[in-house]
Protein backbone atom coordinates (compact mmCIF):
# COMPACT_ATOMS: atom_id res chain seq x y z
CA ARG A 1 -99.34 5.60 27.32
CA VAL A 2 -100.19 5.91 23.35
CA ARG A 3 -97.46 6.22 21.31
CA ALA A 4 -98.93 5.96 17.68
CA VAL A 5 -102.01 4.55 16.20
CA ILE A 6 -102.50 2.60 12.78
CA LEU A 7 -105.61 3.00 10.78
CA LEU A 8 -106.32 0.01 8.68
CA GLY A 9 -108.83 -0.08 4.94
CA PRO A 10 -111.77 2.24 4.96
CA VAL A 11 -113.30 2.74 8.86
CA GLY A 12 -109.04 4.36 9.39
CA VAL A 13 -110.06 7.01 6.99
CA VAL A 14 -112.68 7.91 8.16
CA TRP A 15 -111.81 7.91 11.66
CA GLU A 16 -107.64 10.02 10.68
CA SER A 17 -108.26 13.36 11.37
CA THR A 18 -110.66 12.58 14.57
CA ILE A 19 -108.26 10.12 16.23
CA VAL A 20 -104.50 13.27 15.57
CA ASN A 21 -107.12 16.62 15.73
CA LYS A 22 -108.27 15.67 19.55
CA THR A 23 -105.86 13.36 20.60
CA GLY A 24 -103.02 15.12 18.87
CA LEU A 25 -101.63 11.30 18.65
CA ARG A 26 -99.45 10.16 15.24
CA ALA A 27 -102.17 7.94 12.43
CA PHE A 28 -100.94 6.61 10.10
CA GLN A 29 -103.08 5.15 7.20
CA VAL A 30 -102.41 1.73 5.98
CA GLU A 31 -103.37 -0.51 2.87
CA THR A 32 -103.07 -3.93 3.85
CA LEU A 33 -103.12 -5.61 7.56
CA GLU A 34 -98.97 -6.53 7.13
CA LEU A 35 -98.67 -2.95 6.42
CA ALA A 36 -99.93 -2.02 9.46
CA VAL A 37 -97.85 -4.79 11.92
CA GLU A 38 -94.67 -3.40 9.87
CA VAL A 39 -95.17 -0.07 10.59
CA ALA A 40 -96.43 -0.49 14.15
CA ALA A 41 -93.66 -2.30 15.23
CA GLY A 42 -91.26 0.59 14.18
CA GLN A 43 -92.96 2.79 15.79
CA ALA A 44 -92.47 0.40 19.16
CA LEU A 45 -89.97 1.28 21.64
CA PRO A 46 -88.52 -1.88 23.61
CA GLY A 47 -90.68 -2.86 26.08
CA ASP A 48 -93.89 -1.52 24.44
CA VAL A 49 -97.25 -3.40 23.84
CA ILE A 50 -99.09 -3.23 20.34
CA LEU A 51 -102.56 -3.98 20.71
CA PHE A 52 -104.91 -5.24 17.27
CA SER A 53 -107.98 -4.57 17.31
CA PRO A 54 -110.34 -3.91 14.43
CA ALA A 55 -112.19 -1.22 14.44
CA ALA A 56 -114.40 -3.47 11.97
CA PRO A 57 -114.80 -7.01 10.45
CA THR A 58 -113.28 -8.54 8.42
CA PRO A 59 -114.04 -7.51 4.47
CA ARG A 60 -115.64 -10.84 3.32
CA LEU A 61 -112.64 -11.18 0.13
CA GLU A 62 -110.44 -11.33 3.34
CA GLY A 63 -112.38 -14.52 4.68
CA ASN A 64 -112.89 -14.53 8.24
CA TRP A 65 -111.45 -13.27 11.96
CA GLY A 66 -109.18 -16.61 11.78
CA THR A 67 -108.74 -15.70 8.64
CA ARG A 68 -107.04 -12.66 9.98
CA LEU A 69 -105.84 -13.71 13.05
CA THR A 70 -103.27 -16.29 11.15
CA ARG A 71 -101.85 -13.27 8.63
CA PHE A 72 -101.68 -11.18 11.66
CA ARG A 73 -99.65 -13.99 13.76
CA GLU A 74 -98.14 -14.97 10.15
CA SER A 75 -96.95 -10.96 10.16
CA VAL A 76 -95.75 -11.13 13.45
CA GLN A 77 -93.31 -14.23 13.47
CA GLY A 78 -92.13 -12.68 10.02
CA LEU A 79 -90.50 -9.39 12.00
CA ASN A 80 -87.98 -12.24 13.56
CA GLN A 81 -86.10 -11.32 10.64
CA THR A 82 -85.35 -7.89 11.55
CA PHE A 83 -86.93 -6.73 15.06
CA GLU A 84 -86.35 -8.70 18.62
CA ILE A 85 -89.30 -10.34 19.78
């Protein structure tokens, strides 16, 4: 069961209304990967799974998939200060 969808960047802007209108899910539009992790963790309940599934390639100015993965991992590790993981 999906609790919410976190949308990032230009792809998120395009899909937000479609997702909300077709599914009734809550959608959150965010500007950064780090904020996406924070919002997702805030929406999750104990036992939930947060799936990171980019819908578009990493923007050229942000490096590559490895750079994006490192940022994601660091953001999740930073949650240890606030949430129990």
